[in-house]
Amino acid sequence: MVKMSFNIVIFALTLFVSYGLCYKPVVLIHGIMTGSGSMEMISHRIQEKHPGTIVYNVNRFEGWSSLETLWHQVLEIGTDVANISSKYPDGINLIGYSQGGLVARGIVQTFSNVSVSTFISLSSPQAGQYGAGFLHVVFPGLVKDTAYEFLYSRVGQHTSVGNYWNDPYHQTLYESYSVFLPYINNHLSSAKSDDFKSNLLRLKRLVLIGGPDDNVITPWQSSQFGYYNANETIVEMKGQDIYTEDKIGLKTLDDSGRLHVVTVPGINHFNWHMNVSIVDDYLLPYLD
């Protein structure tokens, strides 16, 4: 009798430990002009440090196709993520790097049938971009002062970059032409505004990672919803309307302890997803 009871206890403990070590699946979304290969280090490290974790590394819209419109990417990749999510009723974790962080947030806010526990935005221009240095490979000769002439046009809005270009000196054109960022940020109202907010509020955690030595996301504070005002002076997230008016739920997430703002100095934009220490210190702690 004693032996049987002991065996039952051991069995119960085994189940408990196994359950405790059962990590949610992770979906990775790459940045602009790259592909799933660029996210392999993160994938391997997660599986090495959290054995048994299932990782889905999105291989859609790689290379030049990453310049396709963000709504197209959100809907296509989002359908894949929804299919993945349907297999895991306890939820999945989502990591988006650079432009992939905007695609990932678009999916979270658009797809009510996607159950995301933790969304990590890794150096993504969540409040927009106003720096053209990284664009010279794609658009030779483009400079930030005049980029709006192309990006705020019907042709420019057929590019992903145009969809999140946020020129502080030409806000009227931004509001008139930009088809993605002002809507996903509820800067402009739409039929989906309530869904965009309520869906984001379903998150267990929103983690915003960025740093002052990024040198690509401009301003770097955009990775944490900070941005320029009309005089090109930085206004941090908590001074922005998107936060003070709780347009998409950032303040509610913050007040409930679900918003994590992480600043890491000394990391260049092209190293965030290649640095093992970033994964160990700033990604893994949020993946349960």
Protein backbone atom coordinates (compact mmCIF):
# COMPACT_ATOMS: atom_id res chain seq x y z
CA MET A 1 0.00 0.00 0.00
CA VAL A 2 2.80 2.36 0.96
CA LYS A 3 4.69 1.44 -2.21
CA MET A 4 1.63 2.13 -4.35
CA SER A 5 1.09 5.54 -2.70
CA PHE A 6 4.75 6.40 -3.26
CA ASN A 7 4.46 5.52 -6.94
CA ILE A 8 1.38 7.68 -7.28
CA VAL A 9 3.22 10.63 -5.72
CA ILE A 10 6.19 10.13 -8.07
CA PHE A 11 3.82 9.97 -11.05
CA ALA A 12 2.04 13.14 -9.95
CA LEU A 13 5.35 14.96 -9.46
CA THR A 14 6.51 13.83 -12.90
CA LEU A 15 3.36 15.26 -14.47
CA PHE A 16 3.78 18.49 -12.53
CA VAL A 17 7.41 18.94 -13.58
CA SER A 18 6.65 18.06 -17.18
CA TYR A 19 3.82 20.56 -17.29
CA GLY A 20 5.98 23.23 -15.66
CA LEU A 21 8.63 22.79 -18.33
CA CYS A 22 6.14 22.91 -21.17
CA TYR A 23 6.83 26.19 -22.97
CA LYS A 24 4.39 27.78 -25.37
CA PRO A 25 5.21 27.58 -29.09
CA VAL A 26 7.02 30.59 -30.54
CA VAL A 27 6.44 32.25 -33.91
CA LEU A 28 9.28 34.36 -35.36
CA ILE A 29 8.79 37.06 -38.02
CA HIS A 30 11.87 38.43 -39.82
CA GLY A 31 12.68 41.99 -40.86
CA ILE A 32 12.87 43.83 -44.16
CA MET A 33 15.05 42.55 -47.04
CA THR A 34 15.94 39.38 -45.12
CA GLY A 35 14.21 36.07 -44.47
CA SER A 36 13.71 33.24 -42.03
CA GLY A 37 17.43 32.42 -42.18
CA SER A 38 18.19 35.62 -40.31
CA MET A 39 16.10 34.38 -37.37
CA GLU A 40 17.69 30.94 -37.12
CA MET A 41 20.01 31.90 -34.26
CA ILE A 42 17.04 32.96 -32.14
CA SER A 43 15.19 29.78 -33.07
CA HIS A 44 18.12 27.50 -32.19
CA ARG A 45 18.87 29.32 -28.95
CA ILE A 46 15.28 29.14 -27.74
CA GLN A 47 15.20 25.40 -28.42
CA GLU A 48 18.60 24.94 -26.77
CA LYS A 49 17.71 26.82 -23.58
CA HIS A 50 14.03 25.80 -23.48
CA PRO A 51 14.12 22.18 -24.71
CA GLY A 52 10.92 20.97 -26.28
CA THR A 53 9.77 24.42 -27.41
CA ILE A 54 8.18 24.35 -30.85
CA VAL A 55 9.41 27.26 -32.98
CA TYR A 56 7.78 28.40 -36.22
CA ASN A 57 10.08 30.59 -38.30
CA VAL A 58 8.03 32.46 -40.91
CA ASN A 59 9.49 32.16 -44.42
CA ARG A 60 7.00 34.35 -46.28
CA PHE A 61 7.84 37.73 -47.84
CA GLU A 62 11.58 37.21 -47.89
CA GLY A 63 14.05 39.46 -49.70
CA TRP A 64 12.47 41.92 -52.11
CA SER A 65 8.96 40.63 -51.38
CA SER A 66 9.35 42.10 -47.88
CA LEU A 67 8.63 45.45 -49.56
CA GLU A 68 5.06 44.41 -50.33
CA THR A 69 2.38 46.34 -48.48
CA LEU A 70 2.08 45.69 -44.76
CA TRP A 71 -1.63 44.95 -44.89
CA HIS A 72 -0.94 42.24 -47.45
CA GLN A 73 1.78 40.78 -45.25
CA VAL A 74 -0.39 41.01 -42.12
CA LEU A 75 -3.28 39.19 -43.76
CA GLU A 76 -1.17 36.48 -45.41
CA ILE A 77 1.16 35.75 -42.49
CA GLY A 78 -1.72 36.28 -40.08
CA THR A 79 -3.68 33.48 -41.70
CA ASP A 80 -0.70 31.17 -41.16
CA VAL A 81 -0.35 32.28 -37.55
CA ALA A 82 -4.06 31.78 -36.98
CA ASN A 83 -3.74 28.20 -38.21
CA ILE A 84 -0.80 27.66 -35.85
CA SER A 85 -2.65 29.28 -32.95
CA SER A 86 -5.68 27.03 -33.45
CA LYS A 87 -3.52 24.05 -32.44
CA TYR A 88 -2.56 25.60 -29.09
CA PRO A 89 -5.53 26.71 -26.98
CA ASP A 90 -3.19 27.91 -24.21
CA GLY A 91 -1.69 30.45 -26.60
CA ILE A 92 1.54 31.09 -28.46
CA ASN A 93 4.38 33.59 -28.11
CA LEU A 94 5.22 35.95 -30.96
CA ILE A 95 8.53 37.70 -31.71
CA GLY A 96 8.85 40.23 -34.53
CA TYR A 97 12.17 41.82 -35.46
CA SER A 98 12.42 45.25 -37.12
CA GLN A 99 9.67 45.57 -39.77
CA GLY A 100 8.53 42.11 -38.67
CA GLY A 101 7.50 43.65 -35.36
CA LEU A 102 4.98 45.83 -37.16
CA VAL A 103 3.68 42.84 -39.12
CA ALA A 104 3.40 40.91 -35.86
CA ARG A 105 1.51 43.71 -34.10
CA GLY A 106 -0.80 44.04 -37.08
CA ILE A 107 -1.61 40.34 -36.72
CA VAL A 108 -2.26 40.64 -32.99
CA GLN A 109 -4.58 43.61 -33.49
CA THR A 110 -6.37 42.30 -36.56
CA PHE A 111 -6.92 38.59 -35.88
CA SER A 112 -9.31 37.97 -33.00
CA ASN A 113 -8.81 34.22 -33.45
CA VAL A 114 -5.08 34.38 -32.76
CA SER A 115 -4.28 33.77 -29.10
CA VAL A 116 -0.92 35.39 -28.30
CA SER A 117 0.36 35.22 -24.75
CA THR A 118 3.53 37.31 -25.07
CA PHE A 119 4.38 39.57 -28.01
CA ILE A 120 7.98 40.78 -28.15
CA SER A 121 8.75 43.68 -30.47
CA LEU A 122 12.50 43.56 -31.14
CA SER A 123 13.73 46.93 -32.41
CA SER A 124 10.66 47.70 -34.51
CA PRO A 125 9.47 51.13 -35.70
CA GLN A 126 6.20 50.96 -33.78
CA ALA A 127 5.65 54.74 -33.92
CA GLY A 128 7.06 55.05 -37.43
CA GLN A 129 10.34 55.80 -39.16
CA TYR A 130 11.96 59.09 -40.15
CA GLY A 131 15.45 58.11 -41.21
CA ALA A 132 16.41 56.97 -44.70
CA GLY A 133 19.95 55.65 -44.17
CA PHE A 134 18.87 52.01 -44.34
CA LEU A 135 16.78 52.70 -47.46
CA HIS A 136 19.65 53.52 -49.79
CA VAL A 137 19.99 49.90 -50.86
CA VAL A 138 16.34 49.87 -51.89
CA PHE A 139 15.81 53.50 -52.89
CA PRO A 140 19.18 55.01 -53.94
CA GLY A 141 19.32 58.73 -53.39
CA LEU A 142 16.34 58.86 -51.04
CA VAL A 143 16.84 61.35 -48.20
CA LYS A 144 14.51 61.84 -45.27
CA ASP A 145 13.71 65.51 -45.99
CA THR A 146 12.14 64.74 -49.37
CA ALA A 147 11.22 61.05 -48.99
CA TYR A 148 7.62 62.04 -48.33
CA GLU A 149 7.25 63.14 -51.97
CA PHE A 150 7.51 59.51 -53.04
CA LEU A 151 6.34 57.62 -49.95
CA TYR A 152 3.20 59.72 -49.51
CA SER A 153 1.88 58.85 -52.95
CA ARG A 154 -0.22 56.02 -54.32
CA VAL A 155 2.92 54.37 -55.66
CA GLY A 156 4.86 54.89 -52.42
CA GLN A 157 2.05 53.37 -50.41
CA HIS A 158 2.51 50.17 -52.39
CA THR A 159 5.72 49.68 -50.40
CA SER A 160 5.98 48.49 -46.81
CA VAL A 161 8.31 51.37 -45.94
CA GLY A 162 5.79 53.92 -47.17
CA ASN A 163 3.22 52.32 -44.87
CA TYR A 164 5.15 53.31 -41.72
CA TRP A 165 7.02 56.41 -42.89
CA ASN A 166 6.03 59.09 -40.38
CA ASP A 167 7.33 62.50 -41.41
CA PRO A 168 6.82 64.92 -38.47
CA TYR A 169 6.86 67.90 -40.85
CA HIS A 170 4.19 66.56 -43.20
CA GLN A 171 1.51 65.13 -40.94
CA THR A 172 -1.34 66.19 -43.20
CA LEU A 173 0.10 64.10 -46.03
CA TYR A 174 0.78 61.24 -43.58
CA GLU A 175 -2.86 61.25 -42.55
CA SER A 176 -4.08 61.58 -46.12
CA TYR A 177 -1.94 58.91 -47.77
CA SER A 178 -0.60 56.43 -45.22
CA VAL A 179 -2.81 53.35 -45.27
CA PHE A 180 -1.32 51.37 -42.37
CA LEU A 181 0.41 53.00 -39.40
CA PRO A 182 -2.06 55.80 -38.57
CA TYR A 183 -4.85 53.22 -38.54
CA ILE A 184 -3.10 50.43 -36.62
CA ASN A 185 -2.12 53.09 -34.04
CA ASN A 186 -5.71 54.46 -33.96
CA HIS A 187 -4.30 57.87 -34.84
CA LEU A 188 -7.08 57.85 -37.43
CA SER A 189 -10.37 56.15 -36.64
CA SER A 190 -11.69 53.29 -38.71
CA ALA A 191 -14.33 50.57 -38.52
CA LYS A 192 -11.64 48.38 -36.94
CA SER A 193 -10.48 50.83 -34.26
CA ASP A 194 -12.27 49.08 -31.39
CA ASP A 195 -10.96 45.68 -32.50
CA PHE A 196 -7.41 47.00 -32.82
CA LYS A 197 -7.51 48.03 -29.15
CA SER A 198 -9.45 45.12 -27.68
CA ASN A 199 -7.30 42.55 -29.46
CA LEU A 200 -4.06 44.09 -28.19
CA LEU A 201 -5.50 44.08 -24.67
CA ARG A 202 -5.83 40.30 -24.85
CA LEU A 203 -2.04 40.02 -24.50
CA LYS A 204 -0.54 38.68 -21.29
CA ARG A 205 2.61 40.68 -22.03
CA LEU A 206 3.77 43.29 -24.52
CA VAL A 207 7.56 43.66 -24.53
CA LEU A 208 9.11 46.62 -26.35
CA ILE A 209 12.87 46.28 -26.87
CA GLY A 210 15.11 48.98 -28.34
CA GLY A 211 18.24 50.97 -27.64
CA PRO A 212 20.10 54.24 -28.26
CA ASP A 213 22.83 52.68 -30.41
CA ASP A 214 20.46 51.09 -32.92
CA ASN A 215 21.41 53.56 -35.70
CA VAL A 216 18.62 52.40 -38.04
CA ILE A 217 15.26 52.83 -36.30
CA THR A 218 14.89 56.61 -36.29
CA PRO A 219 14.24 57.84 -33.74
CA TRP A 220 15.26 54.74 -31.79
CA GLN A 221 12.54 55.58 -29.25
CA SER A 222 10.01 54.56 -31.92
CA SER A 223 10.71 50.99 -30.86
CA GLN A 224 9.00 51.96 -27.59
CA PHE A 225 6.29 54.19 -29.10
CA GLY A 226 8.24 57.40 -28.53
CA TYR A 227 8.56 59.77 -31.48
CA TYR A 228 9.33 63.24 -32.79
CA ASN A 229 6.99 66.17 -32.33
CA ALA A 230 6.54 68.82 -35.01
CA ASN A 231 9.92 70.33 -34.06
CA GLU A 232 11.73 66.97 -34.32
CA THR A 233 12.09 66.84 -30.53
CA ILE A 234 11.67 63.41 -28.94
CA VAL A 235 8.49 62.83 -26.96
CA GLU A 236 8.67 59.60 -25.00
CA MET A 237 5.81 57.07 -25.15
CA LYS A 238 4.12 58.29 -21.97
CA GLY A 239 3.88 61.79 -23.45
CA GLN A 240 2.30 60.58 -26.69
CA ASP A 241 -1.45 60.69 -27.39
CA ILE A 242 -1.38 56.99 -28.22
CA TYR A 243 -0.51 56.41 -24.53
CA THR A 244 -2.23 59.27 -22.67
CA GLU A 245 -5.51 58.68 -24.51
CA ASP A 246 -5.00 54.90 -24.40
CA LYS A 247 -5.77 54.68 -28.09
CA ILE A 248 -4.67 51.05 -28.51
CA GLY A 249 -4.47 50.00 -24.87
CA LEU A 250 -0.83 50.79 -24.02
CA LYS A 251 -1.75 52.63 -20.81
CA THR A 252 -4.10 49.85 -19.72
CA LEU A 253 -1.40 47.27 -20.36
CA ASP A 254 1.07 49.41 -18.41
CA ASP A 255 -1.27 49.98 -15.47
CA SER A 256 -1.91 46.24 -15.22
CA GLY A 257 1.80 45.39 -15.30
CA ARG A 258 1.65 43.80 -18.73
CA LEU A 259 3.75 46.38 -20.62
CA HIS A 260 7.51 45.88 -20.41
CA VAL A 261 9.79 48.56 -21.88
CA VAL A 262 13.36 47.31 -22.26
CA THR A 263 16.26 49.59 -23.24
CA VAL A 264 19.60 47.98 -24.14
CA PRO A 265 22.59 50.20 -25.04
CA GLY A 266 25.45 49.13 -27.28
CA ILE A 267 23.44 47.10 -29.80
CA ASN A 268 23.40 48.01 -33.50
CA HIS A 269 20.18 47.33 -35.37
CA PHE A 270 21.65 44.46 -37.35
CA ASN A 271 22.84 42.69 -34.20
CA TRP A 272 19.63 42.41 -32.18
CA HIS A 273 18.70 39.09 -33.76
CA MET A 274 22.29 37.83 -33.98
CA ASN A 275 23.37 38.38 -30.37
CA VAL A 276 23.09 35.35 -28.06
CA SER A 277 23.10 37.58 -24.97
CA ILE A 278 20.03 39.44 -26.25
CA VAL A 279 18.17 36.14 -26.54
CA ASP A 280 19.33 34.89 -23.14
CA ASP A 281 18.82 38.13 -21.22
CA TYR A 282 15.89 39.82 -22.93
CA LEU A 283 13.85 37.25 -24.86
CA LEU A 284 13.93 33.99 -22.93
CA PRO A 285 12.79 35.50 -19.58
CA TYR A 286 9.46 36.44 -21.21
CA LEU A 287 8.85 33.10 -22.93
CA ASP A 288 6.81 30.75 -20.77
